[in-house]
Amino acid sequence: MTETMETTETASWKRTHTCGELTVGNDGQAVTLCGWVANRRDHGGIFFIDLRDRYGITQVTVDPGFEGTSPELLTTAGNLKAEDVVSVTGTVKNRDAAQINPNRDTGAIEVFARKIEVLAGADTPPFEILDKSDTSVELRMKYRYLDMRRAPVREALELRSRFILALRNSLVRQEFIEVETPILTKATPEGARDYLVPSRVHPDSFYALPQSPQIFKQLCMVAGLDRYFQIARCFRDEDLRADRQPEFTQLDLEMSFVEEDDVVAVMEQAVAAAFKECLNVEVSLPFPRIDYREAMERYGLDKPDLRFGIELIDVAEQAKDSGFKVFTGALEAGGRVKALCVPGAAEWSRKKIDGLADVAQEYGGKGLAWAKVGDGELTGSVAKFFPGEAATALCEQCGAEAGDLLLFAADREAVVHRVLGELRNHVARELGLVDPNVFRFAWVMHFPLFEWSDERQRFEPSHHPFTAPLDWDVDFNEDTGSIQSRAYDMVLNGWELGSGSVRIHRRDVQERLFAYLGLGEEEVQEKFGFLLEAFRYGAPPHAGFAVGLDRLVTLALGKESIRDVIAFPKTTSATCLLTGAPSAVQPEQLAELRIRRT
């Protein structure tokens, strides 16, 4: 018996080239392109169609004078609408020099159509698909699949893909193994609220979506995997802002038999490789390191923007004898008085300076004291408290010259640092000192192990309860607020990109920390028993890090929000305008889960 194989002919509409690849070298070739009609222009019966796909735009010409142009082709071309999906078969022709479009990769050619097949018609879209668009964010999010046809959105997603690949390749070259950890896992306290998923087969029990793979990656170290990473999807039920989403992606890694320097070196190599491969930007290595305390003293924030100076200046010595009650009262209460010297800002109007006071109040300040520096004298709200030599001493301390503006904050240390830290960033933007094409990375080291929670009126872990103290034998009950940790953050241009730490690998230290946090033995066993059990079988010293990929790509592209680099982002109220999520479910589904409406 003779076997025969049926062959399927290639569909006539299938493309031979993309809309971004034809050049003068294709002159005279017969080609087929597929894409969306970006626009159609009728010039006296000659139709010019911009055909768009992911790769670019090619001009298609339908000319009744071109050999082979049929009446049916002219009719089809005349009826095309924006965003119709079409297949075009035709001949590539080089343009005359005067007609070349230098703004397109395909600007030196055009395709004279012989056949146009409409693959799918399109209704009029709710907004015009333009690269530069003033359409509202809400409307673009509702029709995100249309928004992604715009080149800026598409290019952001393409860069994100290349970044992830470059980071992954760098780690593979450094002998890391990629491991996927569970999405449905156990609820553990890690700072934010968990998203909970009810179990149908285990009534009244819930999974939690992971805020991070923290415990599982530590277990990978106990397992001997030595160098783990993953591109991890994480979830946090928290209030949102421009740089946060309820679900996000991070590059997560963990290493055994290492300390801070080893993790830092690996991450620097990976980030530098990604910037070089994806942006052709040389990142200077190693990144500078700043102790947490130094960062707060100099910049007011633990994620300093190093693209400009304007550092915080302690003026307590000059303020203590000023007679200005706001200053002296803060010092007597154990607070701080610090200043910013804003170069050349003495020319700013009173209205603009009042706007700075609004910024200060937004971040917890009660107001804003200020003074303009003239030739040998001060003017402004605190000038009268610094006459003569006092003004000279104050200016010398601040490095102020004629034409500068001094801004002061006096309050609790935390308030002073936050107010002036945010004002520092604000005035730098006003002065045009923030260059989106400059990338200044840094590490902030040795964060406090604990921070005070006003809400709960107690100390809580600054990062998470698995971070090692700088001193393994420290008494957590003594001078709790001053205990340093082995935690470190990577920062870039005033954003925190990610956090990491040396972990607690000793069971005795981990149990002491849990006890300090008020967790009883039964609660510890319920929440973390499997981790402590693993430590019984030999846990190596280990450390790790996680960098937010959404933030990293946002900064690399000079965008303002991580929504711009996420395919289907949610709003600041954690809703999806495209799908309508979250939404109600059918009563039958709730009954299966034994959940009753309240």
Foldseek 3Di string as FASTA:
>chain_A
DDDDDDDDDDDPQDWPDEQADDDPVQAFPKTKYKAWFLDWDQDPLKIWTWGDDLRFTAIEIEDPPDPQRDPVNSVVSVPADGGFIKMFIFGKHFDDPVQADPVGSHRRIHGYGNDMDGPGHDDDDPDRQELDDPDDPLSCLQVVVSPCSHNLLSVLQVLLVLLVVLLVVLVVVVVADEDDDDQFADDDDFPADWDWAFDLVDFPDITTGAQDCVLVQLLCLLVVSFKYWYFDWHAGDDFDDQADFRIFTKIWMKGFPDADVVQLVSVQSSNQRSCCVRVVDHDDPDAAEAAQVRCCQFQLDSFAAPLDHFTKFFCLVLQCQLPPCLNVVLVVVVAGKIKTKAALCLPPDPVVVQVLQVLLVVLPAPGKFKWADAVQAIDGDSRVSQPHVSVVVSCVRNVYDHNIMMIMGGHHSNSRSRSRNVSVVVVCVVVVSQDLQDKRKYKHFFDQQWDADPVVRDIDGPGGLFWAWPDLPDQCVPPVRPTTTGKMFMHIRRRTFKIKHFTDLDLVSSVNSCVVVVQDPVNCCVRPVVSSVSSVSPRGGMMIMMGGSLVVSCSSVVHDGSVSNDSNGADSVNARSNPGPPDDDDPVVCVSNVHDDD
